[in-house]
Amino acid sequence: PSPEVACEAAAALANLARNHDNRNLTIDQGGLDPLLSLAFSPHNETQRQAARALSNLCLSPQTRNAMVQRGALKTFVSLASATN
């Protein structure tokens, strides 16, 4: 997708993940892997929106555990270490 579409998709998932039920649906329906990929986008705003979505997903213990199992901690470390 275009950078704009990718950014808007990450932002939409971030907004949806504010709701507990949507967090589980996002994980169950395969939304985590695209977000992990978008976190490494060359576009800063897309990275920011992906990080926001990932942080919202971490608000529930169930989704947090699923994220840890899929290697999301590595993504968080990379984002925290980024200079941009």
N, C-alpha and C. Protein backbone atom coordinates (compact mmCIF):
# COMPACT_ATOMS: atom_id res chain seq x y z
N PRO A 1 0.83 -1.21 0.00
CA PRO A 1 0.00 0.00 0.00
C PRO A 1 0.87 1.26 0.00
N SER A 2 0.26 2.35 -0.35
CA SER A 2 0.97 3.63 -0.33
C SER A 2 1.31 3.99 1.12
N PRO A 3 2.29 4.86 1.32
CA PRO A 3 2.63 5.27 2.69
C PRO A 3 1.45 5.88 3.44
N GLU A 4 0.62 6.62 2.73
CA GLU A 4 -0.54 7.25 3.37
C GLU A 4 -1.54 6.19 3.84
N VAL A 5 -1.79 5.20 2.99
CA VAL A 5 -2.73 4.14 3.34
C VAL A 5 -2.20 3.33 4.51
N ALA A 6 -0.90 3.01 4.49
CA ALA A 6 -0.29 2.26 5.59
C ALA A 6 -0.42 3.02 6.91
N CYS A 7 -0.17 4.31 6.86
CA CYS A 7 -0.27 5.14 8.06
C CYS A 7 -1.70 5.18 8.58
N GLU A 8 -2.64 5.37 7.68
CA GLU A 8 -4.06 5.42 8.08
C GLU A 8 -4.51 4.07 8.65
N ALA A 9 -4.03 2.98 8.08
CA ALA A 9 -4.39 1.64 8.58
C ALA A 9 -3.85 1.46 10.00
N ALA A 10 -2.61 1.84 10.21
CA ALA A 10 -2.03 1.73 11.56
C ALA A 10 -2.80 2.61 12.55
N ALA A 11 -3.17 3.81 12.13
CA ALA A 11 -3.94 4.70 13.00
C ALA A 11 -5.31 4.12 13.32
N ALA A 12 -5.95 3.53 12.32
CA ALA A 12 -7.26 2.91 12.56
C ALA A 12 -7.15 1.76 13.55
N LEU A 13 -6.13 0.93 13.38
CA LEU A 13 -5.94 -0.18 14.32
C LEU A 13 -5.61 0.34 15.72
N ALA A 14 -4.87 1.42 15.80
CA ALA A 14 -4.57 2.02 17.11
C ALA A 14 -5.85 2.48 17.80
N ASN A 15 -6.72 3.11 17.02
CA ASN A 15 -7.99 3.56 17.60
C ASN A 15 -8.87 2.39 18.01
N LEU A 16 -8.93 1.37 17.19
CA LEU A 16 -9.73 0.19 17.52
C LEU A 16 -9.19 -0.51 18.77
N ALA A 17 -7.88 -0.54 18.90
CA ALA A 17 -7.26 -1.26 20.02
C ALA A 17 -7.44 -0.55 21.36
N ARG A 18 -8.06 0.60 21.35
CA ARG A 18 -8.38 1.26 22.62
C ARG A 18 -9.47 0.49 23.37
N ASN A 19 -10.24 -0.32 22.65
CA ASN A 19 -11.33 -1.10 23.22
C ASN A 19 -10.85 -2.53 23.49
N HIS A 20 -11.15 -3.04 24.67
CA HIS A 20 -10.70 -4.37 25.09
C HIS A 20 -11.08 -5.46 24.08
N ASP A 21 -12.33 -5.51 23.68
CA ASP A 21 -12.77 -6.56 22.76
C ASP A 21 -12.05 -6.47 21.42
N ASN A 22 -11.80 -5.25 20.97
CA ASN A 22 -11.10 -5.08 19.70
C ASN A 22 -9.64 -5.52 19.78
N ARG A 23 -9.05 -5.42 20.95
CA ARG A 23 -7.66 -5.89 21.11
C ARG A 23 -7.58 -7.38 20.79
N ASN A 24 -8.49 -8.15 21.38
CA ASN A 24 -8.49 -9.59 21.11
C ASN A 24 -8.76 -9.88 19.64
N LEU A 25 -9.71 -9.17 19.07
CA LEU A 25 -10.03 -9.37 17.65
C LEU A 25 -8.84 -9.03 16.76
N THR A 26 -8.13 -7.98 17.09
CA THR A 26 -6.97 -7.59 16.29
C THR A 26 -5.94 -8.70 16.27
N ILE A 27 -5.67 -9.28 17.43
CA ILE A 27 -4.71 -10.38 17.51
C ILE A 27 -5.27 -11.62 16.79
N ASP A 28 -6.51 -11.97 17.10
CA ASP A 28 -7.12 -13.18 16.55
C ASP A 28 -7.26 -13.14 15.03
N GLN A 29 -7.47 -11.95 14.48
CA GLN A 29 -7.69 -11.82 13.04
C GLN A 29 -6.41 -11.49 12.27
N GLY A 30 -5.27 -11.60 12.92
CA GLY A 30 -4.00 -11.44 12.21
C GLY A 30 -3.50 -10.01 12.08
N GLY A 31 -3.94 -9.12 12.95
CA GLY A 31 -3.51 -7.73 12.85
C GLY A 31 -2.15 -7.43 13.44
N LEU A 32 -1.62 -8.35 14.22
CA LEU A 32 -0.35 -8.07 14.89
C LEU A 32 0.82 -8.04 13.91
N ASP A 33 0.94 -9.03 13.06
CA ASP A 33 2.10 -9.09 12.16
C ASP A 33 2.20 -7.86 11.25
N PRO A 34 1.10 -7.39 10.66
CA PRO A 34 1.22 -6.16 9.87
C PRO A 34 1.67 -4.95 10.71
N LEU A 35 1.18 -4.87 11.94
CA LEU A 35 1.60 -3.76 12.80
C LEU A 35 3.09 -3.84 13.13
N LEU A 36 3.56 -5.05 13.37
CA LEU A 36 4.99 -5.22 13.65
C LEU A 36 5.82 -4.80 12.44
N SER A 37 5.33 -5.09 11.25
CA SER A 37 6.03 -4.66 10.03
C SER A 37 5.98 -3.15 9.86
N LEU A 38 4.80 -2.57 10.10
CA LEU A 38 4.65 -1.13 9.94
C LEU A 38 5.51 -0.35 10.94
N ALA A 39 5.84 -0.96 12.05
CA ALA A 39 6.69 -0.30 13.04
C ALA A 39 8.09 -0.03 12.48
N PHE A 40 8.46 -0.72 11.41
CA PHE A 40 9.76 -0.52 10.78
C PHE A 40 9.65 0.23 9.46
N SER A 41 8.53 0.89 9.25
CA SER A 41 8.33 1.68 8.05
C SER A 41 9.38 2.78 7.98
N PRO A 42 9.77 3.18 6.76
CA PRO A 42 10.70 4.31 6.64
C PRO A 42 10.02 5.66 6.93
N HIS A 43 8.72 5.64 7.11
CA HIS A 43 7.96 6.87 7.35
C HIS A 43 7.67 7.02 8.85
N ASN A 44 8.15 8.11 9.42
CA ASN A 44 8.05 8.32 10.87
C ASN A 44 6.62 8.27 11.39
N GLU A 45 5.68 8.88 10.67
CA GLU A 45 4.30 8.90 11.16
C GLU A 45 3.70 7.50 11.16
N THR A 46 4.05 6.70 10.19
CA THR A 46 3.56 5.31 10.17
C THR A 46 4.14 4.54 11.35
N GLN A 47 5.41 4.73 11.61
CA GLN A 47 6.03 4.11 12.79
C GLN A 47 5.31 4.53 14.06
N ARG A 48 5.02 5.82 14.17
CA ARG A 48 4.36 6.33 15.37
C ARG A 48 2.99 5.72 15.55
N GLN A 49 2.22 5.63 14.48
CA GLN A 49 0.88 5.06 14.57
C GLN A 49 0.94 3.56 14.87
N ALA A 50 1.89 2.87 14.29
CA ALA A 50 2.06 1.44 14.59
C ALA A 50 2.45 1.25 16.06
N ALA A 51 3.33 2.10 16.55
CA ALA A 51 3.73 2.02 17.96
C ALA A 51 2.54 2.30 18.87
N ARG A 52 1.71 3.25 18.48
CA ARG A 52 0.51 3.56 19.28
C ARG A 52 -0.44 2.37 19.30
N ALA A 53 -0.61 1.72 18.16
CA ALA A 53 -1.47 0.54 18.10
C ALA A 53 -0.90 -0.58 18.96
N LEU A 54 0.39 -0.81 18.84
CA LEU A 54 1.02 -1.87 19.63
C LEU A 54 0.93 -1.59 21.12
N SER A 55 1.11 -0.34 21.50
CA SER A 55 1.00 -0.01 22.93
C SER A 55 -0.43 -0.19 23.43
N ASN A 56 -1.41 0.15 22.60
CA ASN A 56 -2.80 -0.08 23.00
C ASN A 56 -3.10 -1.57 23.13
N LEU A 57 -2.52 -2.37 22.26
CA LEU A 57 -2.73 -3.82 22.35
C LEU A 57 -2.16 -4.38 23.65
N CYS A 58 -1.13 -3.74 24.17
CA CYS A 58 -0.50 -4.21 25.41
C CYS A 58 -1.33 -3.94 26.66
N LEU A 59 -2.42 -3.23 26.52
CA LEU A 59 -3.22 -2.88 27.69
C LEU A 59 -3.96 -4.06 28.30
N SER A 60 -4.10 -5.15 27.58
CA SER A 60 -4.78 -6.34 28.09
C SER A 60 -3.77 -7.46 28.29
N PRO A 61 -3.81 -8.14 29.44
CA PRO A 61 -2.86 -9.23 29.68
C PRO A 61 -2.89 -10.31 28.60
N GLN A 62 -4.07 -10.65 28.12
CA GLN A 62 -4.18 -11.71 27.11
C GLN A 62 -3.47 -11.31 25.82
N THR A 63 -3.71 -10.11 25.35
CA THR A 63 -3.07 -9.69 24.11
C THR A 63 -1.59 -9.43 24.33
N ARG A 64 -1.23 -8.94 25.50
CA ARG A 64 0.18 -8.73 25.82
C ARG A 64 0.95 -10.04 25.75
N ASN A 65 0.38 -11.10 26.30
CA ASN A 65 1.04 -12.40 26.25
C ASN A 65 1.20 -12.90 24.82
N ALA A 66 0.17 -12.72 24.01
CA ALA A 66 0.25 -13.13 22.60
C ALA A 66 1.35 -12.35 21.88
N MET A 67 1.46 -11.07 22.21
CA MET A 67 2.49 -10.25 21.57
C MET A 67 3.89 -10.70 21.96
N VAL A 68 4.08 -11.03 23.22
CA VAL A 68 5.39 -11.50 23.67
C VAL A 68 5.74 -12.81 22.97
N GLN A 69 4.77 -13.68 22.84
CA GLN A 69 5.01 -14.97 22.17
C GLN A 69 5.38 -14.79 20.70
N ARG A 70 4.92 -13.72 20.09
CA ARG A 70 5.21 -13.48 18.66
C ARG A 70 6.41 -12.56 18.44
N GLY A 71 7.13 -12.26 19.50
CA GLY A 71 8.36 -11.50 19.35
C GLY A 71 8.21 -9.99 19.31
N ALA A 72 7.12 -9.46 19.82
CA ALA A 72 6.90 -8.02 19.76
C ALA A 72 7.88 -7.23 20.63
N LEU A 73 8.46 -7.87 21.64
CA LEU A 73 9.40 -7.14 22.50
C LEU A 73 10.58 -6.61 21.71
N LYS A 74 11.04 -7.38 20.74
CA LYS A 74 12.14 -6.94 19.89
C LYS A 74 11.77 -5.66 19.13
N THR A 75 10.53 -5.59 18.69
CA THR A 75 10.07 -4.40 17.99
C THR A 75 10.05 -3.20 18.93
N PHE A 76 9.55 -3.40 20.16
CA PHE A 76 9.52 -2.31 21.13
C PHE A 76 10.93 -1.81 21.45
N VAL A 77 11.87 -2.72 21.58
CA VAL A 77 13.25 -2.32 21.84
C VAL A 77 13.80 -1.51 20.68
N SER A 78 13.51 -1.94 19.47
CA SER A 78 13.98 -1.20 18.29
C SER A 78 13.36 0.19 18.23
N LEU A 79 12.07 0.27 18.50
CA LEU A 79 11.41 1.57 18.49
C LEU A 79 11.96 2.49 19.58
N ALA A 80 12.21 1.94 20.74
CA ALA A 80 12.73 2.74 21.85
C ALA A 80 14.16 3.21 21.58
N SER A 81 14.89 2.45 20.78
CA SER A 81 16.27 2.79 20.47
C SER A 81 16.40 3.71 19.27
N ALA A 82 15.32 3.92 18.54
CA ALA A 82 15.38 4.74 17.33
C ALA A 82 15.73 6.18 17.66
N THR A 83 16.44 6.79 16.77
CA THR A 83 16.84 8.18 16.99
C THR A 83 15.90 9.17 16.33
N ASN A 84 14.92 8.69 15.57
CA ASN A 84 14.01 9.63 14.87
C ASN A 84 12.70 9.72 15.57
